[in-house]
């Protein structure tokens, strides 16, 4: 996950919150420059803290209008909540999440 450099990724097995957090920190520092969209699931049973995947990461709350626009363009459900992160080079990405019990479905979308 930390070393791939492709445009679209769809993981079929759940990953840990800790691994996703590590990926985000590496992406913010410049890794995976070709990545445009990634879909994955996080197993929520692996830790007590529900927000550990954002630990140590500066994120930006998005307006409802911006969320609606991305949901329409990407054909996402209205139940998908979103936040935005920014890379050191200024590139932004949206992390869209949809909670379904013990699994958190995540879409990572790089905005160009």
PDB file of N, CA and C in Angstrom:
ATOM      1  N   UNK A   1       0.823  -1.197   0.000  1.00  0.00           N
ATOM      2  CA  UNK A   1       0.000   0.000   0.000  1.00  0.00           C
ATOM      3  C   UNK A   1       0.865   1.257   0.000  1.00  0.00           C
ATOM      4  N   UNK A   2       1.953   1.215   0.725  1.00  0.00           N
ATOM      5  CA  UNK A   2       2.796   2.400   0.824  1.00  0.00           C
ATOM      6  C   UNK A   2       3.692   2.578  -0.390  1.00  0.00           C
ATOM      7  N   UNK A   3       3.888   1.527  -1.174  1.00  0.00           N
ATOM      8  CA  UNK A   3       4.845   1.629  -2.276  1.00  0.00           C
ATOM      9  C   UNK A   3       4.223   1.614  -3.669  1.00  0.00           C
ATOM     10  N   UNK A   4       2.912   1.379  -3.796  1.00  0.00           N
ATOM     11  CA  UNK A   4       2.334   1.363  -5.139  1.00  0.00           C
ATOM     12  C   UNK A   4       2.272   2.773  -5.708  1.00  0.00           C
ATOM     13  N   UNK A   5       2.305   2.861  -7.034  1.00  0.00           N
ATOM     14  CA  UNK A   5       2.245   4.161  -7.684  1.00  0.00           C
ATOM     15  C   UNK A   5       1.389   4.041  -8.945  1.00  0.00           C
ATOM     16  N   UNK A   6       0.111   3.761  -8.741  1.00  0.00           N
ATOM     17  CA  UNK A   6      -0.837   3.629  -9.839  1.00  0.00           C
ATOM     18  C   UNK A   6      -1.989   4.599  -9.624  1.00  0.00           C
ATOM     19  N   UNK A   7      -2.834   4.784 -10.632  1.00  0.00           N
ATOM     20  CA  UNK A   7      -3.886   5.796 -10.572  1.00  0.00           C
ATOM     21  C   UNK A   7      -5.110   5.374  -9.781  1.00  0.00           C
ATOM     22  N   UNK A   8      -5.562   4.142  -9.942  1.00  0.00           N
ATOM     23  CA  UNK A   8      -6.784   3.673  -9.284  1.00  0.00           C
ATOM     24  C   UNK A   8      -6.508   2.375  -8.538  1.00  0.00           C
ATOM     25  N   UNK A   9      -6.972   2.307  -7.293  1.00  0.00           N
ATOM     26  CA  UNK A   9      -6.745   1.124  -6.464  1.00  0.00           C
ATOM     27  C   UNK A   9      -8.048   0.753  -5.776  1.00  0.00           C
ATOM     28  N   UNK A  10      -8.355  -0.543  -5.783  1.00  0.00           N
ATOM     29  CA  UNK A  10      -9.520  -1.046  -5.060  1.00  0.00           C
ATOM     30  C   UNK A  10      -9.059  -2.255  -4.252  1.00  0.00           C
ATOM     31  N   UNK A  11      -9.013  -2.088  -2.926  1.00  0.00           N
ATOM     32  CA  UNK A  11      -8.613  -3.187  -2.066  1.00  0.00           C
ATOM     33  C   UNK A  11      -9.829  -4.046  -1.752  1.00  0.00           C
ATOM     34  N   UNK A  12      -9.670  -5.349  -1.821  1.00  0.00           N
ATOM     35  CA  UNK A  12     -10.785  -6.254  -1.572  1.00  0.00           C
ATOM     36  C   UNK A  12     -10.801  -6.766  -0.133  1.00  0.00           C
ATOM     37  N   UNK A  13      -9.736  -6.597   0.600  1.00  0.00           N
ATOM     38  CA  UNK A  13      -9.683  -7.008   2.006  1.00  0.00           C
ATOM     39  C   UNK A  13      -9.543  -5.785   2.893  1.00  0.00           C
ATOM     40  N   UNK A  14     -10.115  -5.876   4.079  1.00  0.00           N
ATOM     41  CA  UNK A  14     -10.026  -4.773   5.036  1.00  0.00           C
ATOM     42  C   UNK A  14      -8.585  -4.578   5.492  1.00  0.00           C
ATOM     43  N   UNK A  15      -8.257  -3.331   5.781  1.00  0.00           N
ATOM     44  CA  UNK A  15      -6.939  -3.015   6.327  1.00  0.00           C
ATOM     45  C   UNK A  15      -7.138  -2.425   7.720  1.00  0.00           C
ATOM     46  N   UNK A  16      -6.056  -2.218   8.425  1.00  0.00           N
ATOM     47  CA  UNK A  16      -6.140  -1.638   9.765  1.00  0.00           C
ATOM     48  C   UNK A  16      -6.162  -0.109   9.683  1.00  0.00           C
ATOM     49  N   UNK A  17      -6.701   0.500  10.708  1.00  0.00           N
ATOM     50  CA  UNK A  17      -6.708   1.967  10.796  1.00  0.00           C
ATOM     51  C   UNK A  17      -5.284   2.498  10.826  1.00  0.00           C
ATOM     52  N   UNK A  18      -4.421   1.764  11.509  1.00  0.00           N
ATOM     53  CA  UNK A  18      -3.029   2.187  11.633  1.00  0.00           C
ATOM     54  C   UNK A  18      -2.327   2.223  10.269  1.00  0.00           C
ATOM     55  N   UNK A  19      -2.581   1.213   9.442  1.00  0.00           N
ATOM     56  CA  UNK A  19      -1.971   1.184   8.103  1.00  0.00           C
ATOM     57  C   UNK A  19      -2.499   2.332   7.244  1.00  0.00           C
ATOM     58  N   UNK A  20      -3.793   2.606   7.315  1.00  0.00           N
ATOM     59  CA  UNK A  20      -4.350   3.709   6.537  1.00  0.00           C
ATOM     60  C   UNK A  20      -3.780   5.041   7.017  1.00  0.00           C
ATOM     61  N   UNK A  21      -3.627   5.199   8.320  1.00  0.00           N
ATOM     62  CA  UNK A  21      -3.025   6.411   8.877  1.00  0.00           C
ATOM     63  C   UNK A  21      -1.600   6.587   8.356  1.00  0.00           C
ATOM     64  N   UNK A  22      -0.846   5.503   8.331  1.00  0.00           N
ATOM     65  CA  UNK A  22       0.534   5.557   7.822  1.00  0.00           C
ATOM     66  C   UNK A  22       0.540   5.945   6.347  1.00  0.00           C
ATOM     67  N   UNK A  23      -0.390   5.350   5.553  1.00  0.00           N
ATOM     68  CA  UNK A  23      -0.500   5.704   4.143  1.00  0.00           C
ATOM     69  C   UNK A  23      -0.773   7.199   3.984  1.00  0.00           C
ATOM     70  N   UNK A  24      -1.741   7.749   4.745  1.00  0.00           N
ATOM     71  CA  UNK A  24      -2.082   9.168   4.639  1.00  0.00           C
ATOM     72  C   UNK A  24      -0.879  10.054   4.923  1.00  0.00           C
ATOM     73  N   UNK A  25      -0.127   9.724   5.953  1.00  0.00           N
ATOM     74  CA  UNK A  25       1.058  10.524   6.303  1.00  0.00           C
ATOM     75  C   UNK A  25       2.098  10.472   5.186  1.00  0.00           C
ATOM     76  N   UNK A  26       2.286   9.308   4.584  1.00  0.00           N
ATOM     77  CA  UNK A  26       3.223   9.202   3.455  1.00  0.00           C
ATOM     78  C   UNK A  26       2.702   9.984   2.244  1.00  0.00           C
ATOM     79  N   UNK A  27       1.405   9.878   1.957  1.00  0.00           N
ATOM     80  CA  UNK A  27       0.826  10.612   0.822  1.00  0.00           C
ATOM     81  C   UNK A  27       1.003  12.114   1.014  1.00  0.00           C
ATOM     82  N   UNK A  28       0.761  12.597   2.205  1.00  0.00           N
ATOM     83  CA  UNK A  28       0.910  14.029   2.498  1.00  0.00           C
ATOM     84  C   UNK A  28       2.347  14.484   2.232  1.00  0.00           C
ATOM     85  N   UNK A  29       3.314  13.628   2.508  1.00  0.00           N
ATOM     86  CA  UNK A  29       4.727  13.972   2.283  1.00  0.00           C
ATOM     87  C   UNK A  29       5.173  13.774   0.834  1.00  0.00           C
ATOM     88  N   UNK A  30       4.282  13.238  -0.044  1.00  0.00           N
ATOM     89  CA  UNK A  30       4.633  13.164  -1.458  1.00  0.00           C
ATOM     90  C   UNK A  30       4.645  11.796  -2.090  1.00  0.00           C
ATOM     91  N   UNK A  31       4.368  10.736  -1.349  1.00  0.00           N
ATOM     92  CA  UNK A  31       4.381   9.410  -1.978  1.00  0.00           C
ATOM     93  C   UNK A  31       3.130   9.198  -2.826  1.00  0.00           C
ATOM     94  N   UNK A  32       3.150   8.193  -3.662  1.00  0.00           N
ATOM     95  CA  UNK A  32       2.034   7.829  -4.535  1.00  0.00           C
ATOM     96  C   UNK A  32       1.540   8.999  -5.392  1.00  0.00           C
ATOM     97  N   UNK A  33       2.424   9.665  -6.116  1.00  0.00           N
ATOM     98  CA  UNK A  33       2.034  10.872  -6.862  1.00  0.00           C
ATOM     99  C   UNK A  33       1.028  10.642  -7.992  1.00  0.00           C
ATOM    100  N   UNK A  34       0.929   9.421  -8.512  1.00  0.00           N
ATOM    101  CA  UNK A  34      -0.011   9.158  -9.610  1.00  0.00           C
ATOM    102  C   UNK A  34      -1.413   8.809  -9.123  1.00  0.00           C
ATOM    103  N   UNK A  35      -1.554   8.500  -7.846  1.00  0.00           N
ATOM    104  CA  UNK A  35      -2.835   8.049  -7.313  1.00  0.00           C
ATOM    105  C   UNK A  35      -3.930   9.094  -7.508  1.00  0.00           C
ATOM    106  N   UNK A  36      -5.069   8.646  -8.039  1.00  0.00           N
ATOM    107  CA  UNK A  36      -6.226   9.517  -8.233  1.00  0.00           C
ATOM    108  C   UNK A  36      -7.410   9.083  -7.386  1.00  0.00           C
ATOM    109  N   UNK A  37      -7.590   7.769  -7.236  1.00  0.00           N
ATOM    110  CA  UNK A  37      -8.742   7.275  -6.490  1.00  0.00           C
ATOM    111  C   UNK A  37      -8.409   5.922  -5.867  1.00  0.00           C
ATOM    112  N   UNK A  38      -8.817   5.750  -4.620  1.00  0.00           N
ATOM    113  CA  UNK A  38      -8.595   4.489  -3.929  1.00  0.00           C
ATOM    114  C   UNK A  38      -9.844   4.151  -3.117  1.00  0.00           C
ATOM    115  N   UNK A  39     -10.239   2.888  -3.182  1.00  0.00           N
ATOM    116  CA  UNK A  39     -11.361   2.406  -2.386  1.00  0.00           C
ATOM    117  C   UNK A  39     -10.854   1.297  -1.480  1.00  0.00           C
ATOM    118  N   UNK A  40     -11.210   1.381  -0.198  1.00  0.00           N
ATOM    119  CA  UNK A  40     -10.783   0.367   0.750  1.00  0.00           C
ATOM    120  C   UNK A  40     -11.763   0.296   1.909  1.00  0.00           C
ATOM    121  N   UNK A  41     -11.613  -0.736   2.704  1.00  0.00           N
ATOM    122  CA  UNK A  41     -12.414  -0.901   3.904  1.00  0.00           C
ATOM    123  C   UNK A  41     -11.481  -0.999   5.096  1.00  0.00           C
ATOM    124  N   UNK A  42     -11.901  -0.413   6.202  1.00  0.00           N
ATOM    125  CA  UNK A  42     -11.123  -0.455   7.431  1.00  0.00           C
ATOM    126  C   UNK A  42     -11.909  -1.261   8.453  1.00  0.00           C
ATOM    127  N   UNK A  43     -11.243  -2.236   9.042  1.00  0.00           N
ATOM    128  CA  UNK A  43     -11.849  -3.049  10.081  1.00  0.00           C
ATOM    129  C   UNK A  43     -11.858  -2.240  11.373  1.00  0.00           C
ATOM    130  N   UNK A  44     -13.051  -1.877  11.837  1.00  0.00           N
ATOM    131  CA  UNK A  44     -13.172  -1.029  13.023  1.00  0.00           C
ATOM    132  C   UNK A  44     -12.951  -1.787  14.321  1.00  0.00           C
ATOM    133  N   UNK A  45     -12.871  -3.097  14.267  1.00  0.00           N
ATOM    134  CA  UNK A  45     -12.696  -3.895  15.481  1.00  0.00           C
ATOM    135  C   UNK A  45     -11.260  -3.811  16.008  1.00  0.00           C
ATOM    136  N   UNK A  46     -10.317  -3.405  15.153  1.00  0.00           N
ATOM    137  CA  UNK A  46      -8.907  -3.477  15.537  1.00  0.00           C
ATOM    138  C   UNK A  46      -8.469  -2.463  16.583  1.00  0.00           C
ATOM    139  N   UNK A  47      -9.306  -1.500  16.957  1.00  0.00           N
ATOM    140  CA  UNK A  47      -8.928  -0.549  18.004  1.00  0.00           C
ATOM    141  C   UNK A  47     -10.168   0.094  18.595  1.00  0.00           C
ATOM    142  N   UNK A  48      -9.974   0.748  19.718  1.00  0.00           N
ATOM    143  CA  UNK A  48     -11.087   1.375  20.422  1.00  0.00           C
ATOM    144  C   UNK A  48     -11.413   2.747  19.836  1.00  0.00           C
ATOM    145  N   UNK A  49     -10.404   3.504  19.455  1.00  0.00           N
ATOM    146  CA  UNK A  49     -10.600   4.871  18.981  1.00  0.00           C
ATOM    147  C   UNK A  49     -11.067   4.881  17.528  1.00  0.00           C
ATOM    148  N   UNK A  50     -12.258   5.401  17.283  1.00  0.00           N
ATOM    149  CA  UNK A  50     -12.826   5.414  15.942  1.00  0.00           C
ATOM    150  C   UNK A  50     -12.140   6.352  14.970  1.00  0.00           C
ATOM    151  N   UNK A  51     -11.379   7.313  15.459  1.00  0.00           N
ATOM    152  CA  UNK A  51     -10.747   8.293  14.580  1.00  0.00           C
ATOM    153  C   UNK A  51      -9.236   8.088  14.457  1.00  0.00           C
ATOM    154  N   UNK A  52      -8.730   6.941  14.831  1.00  0.00           N
ATOM    155  CA  UNK A  52      -7.283   6.726  14.811  1.00  0.00           C
ATOM    156  C   UNK A  52      -6.689   6.883  13.418  1.00  0.00           C
ATOM    157  N   UNK A  53      -7.468   6.653  12.383  1.00  0.00           N
ATOM    158  CA  UNK A  53      -6.920   6.782  11.035  1.00  0.00           C
ATOM    159  C   UNK A  53      -6.593   8.235  10.694  1.00  0.00           C
ATOM    160  N   UNK A  54      -7.086   9.203  11.490  1.00  0.00           N
ATOM    161  CA  UNK A  54      -6.766  10.615  11.273  1.00  0.00           C
ATOM    162  C   UNK A  54      -5.800  11.167  12.326  1.00  0.00           C
ATOM    163  N   UNK A  55      -5.319  10.322  13.215  1.00  0.00           N
ATOM    164  CA  UNK A  55      -4.432  10.770  14.288  1.00  0.00           C
ATOM    165  C   UNK A  55      -3.164  11.411  13.708  1.00  0.00           C
ATOM    166  N   UNK A  56      -2.886  12.631  14.128  1.00  0.00           N
ATOM    167  CA  UNK A  56      -1.687  13.335  13.680  1.00  0.00           C
ATOM    168  C   UNK A  56      -1.800  13.944  12.291  1.00  0.00           C
ATOM    169  N   UNK A  57      -3.009  13.969  11.726  1.00  0.00           N
ATOM    170  CA  UNK A  57      -3.209  14.496  10.374  1.00  0.00           C
ATOM    171  C   UNK A  57      -4.097  15.726  10.436  1.00  0.00           C
ATOM    172  N   UNK A  58      -3.623  16.814   9.851  1.00  0.00           N
ATOM    173  CA  UNK A  58      -4.444  18.026   9.757  1.00  0.00           C
ATOM    174  C   UNK A  58      -5.469  17.827   8.656  1.00  0.00           C
ATOM    175  N   UNK A  59      -6.727  18.036   8.985  1.00  0.00           N
ATOM    176  CA  UNK A  59      -7.785  17.886   7.998  1.00  0.00           C
ATOM    177  C   UNK A  59      -8.700  19.091   8.045  1.00  0.00           C
ATOM    178  N   UNK A  60      -9.467  19.256   6.970  1.00  0.00           N
ATOM    179  CA  UNK A  60     -10.321  20.426   6.791  1.00  0.00           C
ATOM    180  C   UNK A  60     -11.764  19.964   6.657  1.00  0.00           C
ATOM    181  N   UNK A  61     -12.649  20.567   7.416  1.00  0.00           N
ATOM    182  CA  UNK A  61     -14.082  20.301   7.277  1.00  0.00           C
ATOM    183  C   UNK A  61     -14.537  20.876   5.941  1.00  0.00           C
ATOM    184  N   UNK A  62     -15.432  20.181   5.271  1.00  0.00           N
ATOM    185  CA  UNK A  62     -15.920  20.632   3.969  1.00  0.00           C
ATOM    186  C   UNK A  62     -17.335  21.189   4.097  1.00  0.00           C
ATOM    187  N   UNK A  63     -17.646  22.144   3.265  1.00  0.00           N
ATOM    188  CA  UNK A  63     -19.004  22.690   3.249  1.00  0.00           C
ATOM    189  C   UNK A  63     -19.951  21.651   2.662  1.00  0.00           C
ATOM    190  N   UNK A  64     -21.215  21.740   3.011  1.00  0.00           N
ATOM    191  CA  UNK A  64     -22.208  20.812   2.471  1.00  0.00           C
ATOM    192  C   UNK A  64     -22.301  20.939   0.946  1.00  0.00           C
ATOM    193  N   UNK A  65     -22.127  22.150   0.441  1.00  0.00           N
ATOM    194  CA  UNK A  65     -22.167  22.370  -1.009  1.00  0.00           C
ATOM    195  C   UNK A  65     -21.019  21.638  -1.707  1.00  0.00           C
ATOM    196  N   UNK A  66     -19.816  21.714  -1.133  1.00  0.00           N
ATOM    197  CA  UNK A  66     -18.660  21.025  -1.717  1.00  0.00           C
ATOM    198  C   UNK A  66     -18.854  19.513  -1.661  1.00  0.00           C
ATOM    199  N   UNK A  67     -19.398  19.012  -0.549  1.00  0.00           N
ATOM    200  CA  UNK A  67     -19.673  17.579  -0.430  1.00  0.00           C
ATOM    201  C   UNK A  67     -20.697  17.131  -1.467  1.00  0.00           C
ATOM    202  N   UNK A  68     -21.749  17.909  -1.621  1.00  0.00           N
ATOM    203  CA  UNK A  68     -22.802  17.584  -2.588  1.00  0.00           C
ATOM    204  C   UNK A  68     -22.233  17.529  -4.003  1.00  0.00           C
ATOM    205  N   UNK A  69     -21.369  18.489  -4.331  1.00  0.00           N
ATOM    206  CA  UNK A  69     -20.763  18.541  -5.663  1.00  0.00           C
ATOM    207  C   UNK A  69     -19.922  17.284  -5.936  1.00  0.00           C
ATOM    208  N   UNK A  70     -19.111  16.880  -4.975  1.00  0.00           N
ATOM    209  CA  UNK A  70     -18.272  15.692  -5.143  1.00  0.00           C
ATOM    210  C   UNK A  70     -19.130  14.432  -5.204  1.00  0.00           C
ATOM    211  N   UNK A  71     -20.157  14.370  -4.359  1.00  0.00           N
ATOM    212  CA  UNK A  71     -21.059  13.209  -4.400  1.00  0.00           C
ATOM    213  C   UNK A  71     -21.694  13.054  -5.774  1.00  0.00           C
ATOM    214  N   UNK A  72     -22.102  14.168  -6.376  1.00  0.00           N
ATOM    215  CA  UNK A  72     -22.722  14.119  -7.704  1.00  0.00           C
ATOM    216  C   UNK A  72     -21.714  13.714  -8.768  1.00  0.00           C
ATOM    217  N   UNK A  73     -20.542  14.337  -8.765  1.00  0.00           N
ATOM    218  CA  UNK A  73     -19.531  14.040  -9.780  1.00  0.00           C
ATOM    219  C   UNK A  73     -19.018  12.609  -9.696  1.00  0.00           C
ATOM    220  N   UNK A  74     -18.910  12.083  -8.475  1.00  0.00           N
ATOM    221  CA  UNK A  74     -18.361  10.738  -8.259  1.00  0.00           C
ATOM    222  C   UNK A  74     -19.435   9.676  -8.041  1.00  0.00           C
ATOM    223  N   UNK A  75     -20.697  10.100  -8.131  1.00  0.00           N
ATOM    224  CA  UNK A  75     -21.836   9.191  -7.931  1.00  0.00           C
ATOM    225  C   UNK A  75     -21.757   8.464  -6.589  1.00  0.00           C
ATOM    226  N   UNK A  76     -21.544   9.225  -5.542  1.00  0.00           N
ATOM    227  CA  UNK A  76     -21.471   8.680  -4.191  1.00  0.00           C
ATOM    228  C   UNK A  76     -22.801   8.849  -3.480  1.00  0.00           C
ATOM    229  N   UNK A  77     -23.068   7.981  -2.557  1.00  0.00           N
ATOM    230  CA  UNK A  77     -24.288   8.040  -1.754  1.00  0.00           C
ATOM    231  C   UNK A  77     -24.298   9.295  -0.879  1.00  0.00           C
ATOM    232  N   UNK A  78     -25.488   9.779  -0.574  1.00  0.00           N
ATOM    233  CA  UNK A  78     -25.603  10.947   0.310  1.00  0.00           C
ATOM    234  C   UNK A  78     -25.152  10.618   1.730  1.00  0.00           C
ATOM    235  N   UNK A  79     -25.041   9.325   2.054  1.00  0.00           N
ATOM    236  CA  UNK A  79     -24.600   8.928   3.391  1.00  0.00           C
ATOM    237  C   UNK A  79     -23.079   8.985   3.557  1.00  0.00           C
ATOM    238  N   UNK A  80     -22.355   9.247   2.477  1.00  0.00           N
ATOM    239  CA  UNK A  80     -20.896   9.340   2.546  1.00  0.00           C
ATOM    240  C   UNK A  80     -20.507  10.693   3.125  1.00  0.00           C
ATOM    241  N   UNK A  81     -19.813  10.667   4.256  1.00  0.00           N
ATOM    242  CA  UNK A  81     -19.321  11.894   4.866  1.00  0.00           C
ATOM    243  C   UNK A  81     -17.915  12.152   4.328  1.00  0.00           C
ATOM    244  N   UNK A  82     -17.491  13.419   4.321  1.00  0.00           N
ATOM    245  CA  UNK A  82     -16.198  13.746   3.718  1.00  0.00           C
ATOM    246  C   UNK A  82     -15.427  14.786   4.514  1.00  0.00           C
ATOM    247  N   UNK A  83     -14.116  14.628   4.444  1.00  0.00           N
ATOM    248  CA  UNK A  83     -13.187  15.641   4.928  1.00  0.00           C
ATOM    249  C   UNK A  83     -12.138  15.833   3.841  1.00  0.00           C
ATOM    250  N   UNK A  84     -11.331  16.866   3.997  1.00  0.00           N
ATOM    251  CA  UNK A  84     -10.300  17.153   2.993  1.00  0.00           C
ATOM    252  C   UNK A  84      -8.947  17.214   3.683  1.00  0.00           C
ATOM    253  N   UNK A  85      -7.914  16.717   2.993  1.00  0.00           N
ATOM    254  CA  UNK A  85      -6.547  16.851   3.472  1.00  0.00           C
ATOM    255  C   UNK A  85      -5.718  17.498   2.373  1.00  0.00           C
ATOM    256  N   UNK A  86      -4.580  18.044   2.762  1.00  0.00           N
ATOM    257  CA  UNK A  86      -3.723  18.729   1.790  1.00  0.00           C
ATOM    258  C   UNK A  86      -2.302  18.178   1.889  1.00  0.00           C
ATOM    259  N   UNK A  87      -1.740  17.954   0.725  1.00  0.00           N
ATOM    260  CA  UNK A  87      -0.371  17.474   0.588  1.00  0.00           C
ATOM    261  C   UNK A  87       0.603  18.640   0.752  1.00  0.00           C
ATOM    262  N   UNK A  88       1.853  18.369   1.028  1.00  0.00           N
ATOM    263  CA  UNK A  88       2.832  19.441   1.191  1.00  0.00           C
ATOM    264  C   UNK A  88       3.022  20.254  -0.090  1.00  0.00           C
ATOM    265  N   UNK A  89       2.749  19.652  -1.274  1.00  0.00           N
ATOM    266  CA  UNK A  89       2.869  20.393  -2.531  1.00  0.00           C
ATOM    267  C   UNK A  89       1.591  21.159  -2.888  1.00  0.00           C
ATOM    268  N   UNK A  90       0.569  21.116  -1.999  1.00  0.00           N
ATOM    269  CA  UNK A  90      -0.670  21.851  -2.220  1.00  0.00           C
ATOM    270  C   UNK A  90      -1.801  21.020  -2.816  1.00  0.00           C
ATOM    271  N   UNK A  91      -1.511  19.807  -3.288  1.00  0.00           N
ATOM    272  CA  UNK A  91      -2.544  18.932  -3.829  1.00  0.00           C
ATOM    273  C   UNK A  91      -3.522  18.566  -2.718  1.00  0.00           C
ATOM    274  N   UNK A  92      -4.818  18.588  -3.031  1.00  0.00           N
ATOM    275  CA  UNK A  92      -5.818  18.220  -2.031  1.00  0.00           C
ATOM    276  C   UNK A  92      -6.459  16.882  -2.371  1.00  0.00           C
ATOM    277  N   UNK A  93      -6.949  16.236  -1.339  1.00  0.00           N
ATOM    278  CA  UNK A  93      -7.668  14.970  -1.501  1.00  0.00           C
ATOM    279  C   UNK A  93      -8.847  14.960  -0.549  1.00  0.00           C
ATOM    280  N   UNK A  94      -9.848  14.220  -0.937  1.00  0.00           N
ATOM    281  CA  UNK A  94     -11.041  14.051  -0.114  1.00  0.00           C
ATOM    282  C   UNK A  94     -11.045  12.622   0.406  1.00  0.00           C
ATOM    283  N   UNK A  95     -11.368  12.472   1.676  1.00  0.00           N
ATOM    284  CA  UNK A  95     -11.559  11.156   2.266  1.00  0.00           C
ATOM    285  C   UNK A  95     -13.045  11.034   2.561  1.00  0.00           C
ATOM    286  N   UNK A  96     -13.703  10.168   1.813  1.00  0.00           N
ATOM    287  CA  UNK A  96     -15.132   9.930   1.998  1.00  0.00           C
ATOM    288  C   UNK A  96     -15.330   8.637   2.748  1.00  0.00           C
ATOM    289  N   UNK A  97     -16.152   8.665   3.805  1.00  0.00           N
ATOM    290  CA  UNK A  97     -16.371   7.472   4.612  1.00  0.00           C
ATOM    291  C   UNK A  97     -17.852   7.145   4.725  1.00  0.00           C
ATOM    292  N   UNK A  98     -18.115   5.861   4.794  1.00  0.00           N
ATOM    293  CA  UNK A  98     -19.468   5.365   4.991  1.00  0.00           C
ATOM    294  C   UNK A  98     -19.382   4.241   6.018  1.00  0.00           C
ATOM    295  N   UNK A  99     -19.976   4.460   7.177  1.00  0.00           N
ATOM    296  CA  UNK A  99     -19.916   3.517   8.282  1.00  0.00           C
ATOM    297  C   UNK A  99     -20.979   2.438   8.126  1.00  0.00           C
ATOM    298  N   UNK A 100     -20.555   1.175   8.168  1.00  0.00           N
ATOM    299  CA  UNK A 100     -21.531   0.084   8.104  1.00  0.00           C
ATOM    300  C   UNK A 100     -21.173  -0.974   9.147  1.00  0.00           C
ATOM    301  N   UNK A 101     -21.464  -0.663  10.384  1.00  0.00           N
ATOM    302  CA  UNK A 101     -21.206  -1.609  11.464  1.00  0.00           C
ATOM    303  C   UNK A 101     -19.741  -1.706  11.822  1.00  0.00           C
ATOM    304  N   UNK A 102     -19.150  -2.888  11.653  1.00  0.00           N
ATOM    305  CA  UNK A 102     -17.752  -3.105  12.016  1.00  0.00           C
ATOM    306  C   UNK A 102     -16.778  -2.720  10.910  1.00  0.00           C
ATOM    307  N   UNK A 103     -17.300  -2.252   9.795  1.00  0.00           N
ATOM    308  CA  UNK A 103     -16.465  -1.872   8.647  1.00  0.00           C
ATOM    309  C   UNK A 103     -16.707  -0.405   8.292  1.00  0.00           C
ATOM    310  N   UNK A 104     -15.615   0.297   8.038  1.00  0.00           N
ATOM    311  CA  UNK A 104     -15.690   1.671   7.557  1.00  0.00           C
ATOM    312  C   UNK A 104     -15.237   1.651   6.101  1.00  0.00           C
ATOM    313  N   UNK A 105     -16.145   1.964   5.172  1.00  0.00           N
ATOM    314  CA  UNK A 105     -15.802   2.006   3.753  1.00  0.00           C
ATOM    315  C   UNK A 105     -15.228   3.385   3.444  1.00  0.00           C
ATOM    316  N   UNK A 106     -14.088   3.412   2.771  1.00  0.00           N
ATOM    317  CA  UNK A 106     -13.347   4.653   2.542  1.00  0.00           C
ATOM    318  C   UNK A 106     -13.071   4.844   1.060  1.00  0.00           C
ATOM    319  N   UNK A 107     -13.332   6.041   0.593  1.00  0.00           N
ATOM    320  CA  UNK A 107     -12.916   6.467  -0.750  1.00  0.00           C
ATOM    321  C   UNK A 107     -11.931   7.610  -0.562  1.00  0.00           C
ATOM    322  N   UNK A 108     -10.762   7.454  -1.180  1.00  0.00           N
ATOM    323  CA  UNK A 108      -9.716   8.471  -1.149  1.00  0.00           C
ATOM    324  C   UNK A 108      -9.659   9.031  -2.563  1.00  0.00           C
ATOM    325  N   UNK A 109     -10.000  10.299  -2.717  1.00  0.00           N
ATOM    326  CA  UNK A 109     -10.109  10.915  -4.042  1.00  0.00           C
ATOM    327  C   UNK A 109      -9.182  12.130  -4.105  1.00  0.00           C
ATOM    328  N   UNK A 110      -8.240  12.104  -5.025  1.00  0.00           N
ATOM    329  CA  UNK A 110      -7.335  13.238  -5.211  1.00  0.00           C
ATOM    330  C   UNK A 110      -8.022  14.236  -6.136  1.00  0.00           C
ATOM    331  N   UNK A 111      -8.041  15.491  -5.721  1.00  0.00           N
ATOM    332  CA  UNK A 111      -8.671  16.536  -6.513  1.00  0.00           C
ATOM    333  C   UNK A 111      -7.624  17.253  -7.337  1.00  0.00           C
ATOM    334  N   UNK A 112      -7.922  17.434  -8.609  1.00  0.00           N
ATOM    335  CA  UNK A 112      -6.973  18.122  -9.505  1.00  0.00           C
ATOM    336  C   UNK A 112      -7.613  19.391 -10.041  1.00  0.00           C
TER     337      UNK A 112
END
